[in-house]
Amino acid sequence: MKYILWLLKAAIFFTLFAFALNNQQNATVHFFFGTQWTAPLVLVVLTAFAAGLVVGVLGMVPRWLKHRSAAQRAAQPEAAAAPAPATGAAPDSAPPAPSLPPHDLHGI
């Protein structure tokens, strides 16, 4: 299996390398206000791909932070959030868990 993965990686590398060699001609990208950028086509494609990755990651950062903070809140012990019982008082017993049919356990 290890050799198959290496062969797959080598095939992807050589495919991209051949793509780069076949697209060495210059391409001109026209921006606003008459500015332009002339570079090899493979560099233009790579730059567009990298810019797409950056935009996608920046679009996901708020959701990642939201999920991270929710996971941290869920991981905090409830004892730290609840006030401690008075000295000498017996702790309350926890209510019994409801008995649900197996198909209702996960909301399905």
Protein backbone atom coordinates (compact mmCIF):
# COMPACT_ATOMS: atom_id res chain seq x y z
CA MET A 1 0.00 0.00 0.00
CA LYS A 2 2.90 2.31 0.80
CA TYR A 3 4.32 1.89 -2.70
CA ILE A 4 0.95 2.52 -4.33
CA LEU A 5 0.65 5.84 -2.48
CA TRP A 6 4.16 6.83 -3.59
CA LEU A 7 3.29 5.93 -7.19
CA LEU A 8 0.11 8.02 -6.96
CA LYS A 9 2.04 10.99 -5.56
CA ALA A 10 4.68 10.62 -8.28
CA ALA A 11 2.00 10.50 -10.99
CA ILE A 12 0.37 13.67 -9.64
CA PHE A 13 3.74 15.43 -9.42
CA PHE A 14 4.76 14.51 -12.98
CA THR A 15 1.33 15.50 -14.32
CA LEU A 16 1.62 18.94 -12.72
CA PHE A 17 5.24 19.24 -13.86
CA ALA A 18 4.23 18.46 -17.45
CA PHE A 19 1.42 21.03 -17.15
CA ALA A 20 3.95 23.64 -16.04
CA LEU A 21 6.31 22.81 -18.90
CA ASN A 22 3.52 22.99 -21.50
CA ASN A 23 2.28 26.39 -20.28
CA GLN A 24 5.38 28.54 -20.28
CA GLN A 25 4.05 31.19 -22.64
CA ASN A 26 3.30 34.59 -21.14
CA ALA A 27 -0.21 35.56 -20.12
CA THR A 28 -1.40 39.05 -19.33
CA VAL A 29 -3.86 39.66 -16.52
CA HIS A 30 -5.65 43.00 -16.76
CA PHE A 31 -6.68 44.62 -13.46
CA PHE A 32 -8.65 47.78 -12.79
CA PHE A 33 -7.49 51.29 -13.80
CA GLY A 34 -5.35 50.05 -16.66
CA THR A 35 -2.91 48.02 -14.58
CA GLN A 36 -1.77 44.68 -15.90
CA TRP A 37 0.48 41.79 -14.93
CA THR A 38 2.40 39.69 -17.43
CA ALA A 39 3.74 36.33 -16.21
CA PRO A 40 4.01 32.73 -17.38
CA LEU A 41 0.60 31.07 -17.60
CA VAL A 42 1.44 28.41 -15.02
CA LEU A 43 2.33 31.14 -12.50
CA VAL A 44 -0.97 32.90 -13.17
CA VAL A 45 -2.88 29.65 -12.61
CA LEU A 46 -0.92 28.89 -9.42
CA THR A 47 -1.55 32.40 -8.10
CA ALA A 48 -5.29 32.12 -8.80
CA PHE A 49 -5.37 28.75 -7.02
CA ALA A 50 -3.50 30.12 -3.98
CA ALA A 51 -5.79 33.17 -3.84
CA GLY A 52 -8.82 30.86 -3.89
CA LEU A 53 -7.39 28.84 -1.00
CA VAL A 54 -6.79 32.00 1.02
CA VAL A 55 -10.31 33.30 0.40
CA GLY A 56 -11.81 29.92 1.34
CA VAL A 57 -9.82 29.67 4.57
CA LEU A 58 -10.67 33.25 5.54
CA GLY A 59 -14.33 32.48 4.90
CA MET A 60 -14.18 29.50 7.26
CA VAL A 61 -12.33 31.19 10.15
CA PRO A 62 -15.46 32.61 11.88
CA ARG A 63 -17.17 29.20 11.83
CA TRP A 64 -14.02 27.46 13.11
CA LEU A 65 -13.76 29.94 15.98
CA LYS A 66 -17.47 29.48 16.79
CA HIS A 67 -17.12 25.69 16.91
CA ARG A 68 -13.91 25.93 18.92
CA SER A 69 -15.49 28.13 21.57
CA ALA A 70 -18.54 25.84 21.72
CA ALA A 71 -16.28 22.82 22.20
CA GLN A 72 -14.39 24.59 24.98
CA ARG A 73 -17.66 25.49 26.73
CA ALA A 74 -18.83 21.89 26.44
CA ALA A 75 -15.55 20.56 27.83
CA GLN A 76 -15.69 22.69 30.99
CA PRO A 77 -16.86 20.74 34.02
CA GLU A 78 -20.30 21.68 35.31
CA ALA A 79 -19.09 21.62 38.92
CA ALA A 80 -16.94 24.67 38.31
CA ALA A 81 -19.88 26.62 36.91
CA ALA A 82 -22.38 25.63 39.65
CA PRO A 83 -22.01 27.01 43.17
CA ALA A 84 -20.72 24.56 45.77
CA PRO A 85 -23.33 23.18 48.22
CA ALA A 86 -23.34 24.48 51.78
CA THR A 87 -21.05 22.75 54.27
CA GLY A 88 -22.69 19.74 55.88
CA ALA A 89 -25.52 19.55 53.37
CA ALA A 90 -26.05 16.29 51.53
CA PRO A 91 -25.56 16.56 47.76
CA ASP A 92 -28.71 16.16 45.71
CA SER A 93 -28.97 12.99 43.73
CA ALA A 94 -29.08 13.36 39.98
CA PRO A 95 -32.47 12.73 38.34
CA PRO A 96 -32.72 9.44 36.45
CA ALA A 97 -32.00 9.59 32.74
CA PRO A 98 -35.12 9.29 30.57
CA SER A 99 -35.56 5.94 28.90
CA LEU A 100 -35.81 6.49 25.19
CA PRO A 101 -36.22 3.94 22.43
CA PRO A 102 -32.89 3.27 20.61
CA HIS A 103 -33.97 5.16 17.46
CA ASP A 104 -34.55 8.38 19.44
CA LEU A 105 -31.12 8.52 21.05
CA HIS A 106 -29.54 10.70 18.37
CA GLY A 107 -32.59 12.57 17.17
CA ILE A 108 -33.10 10.33 14.17
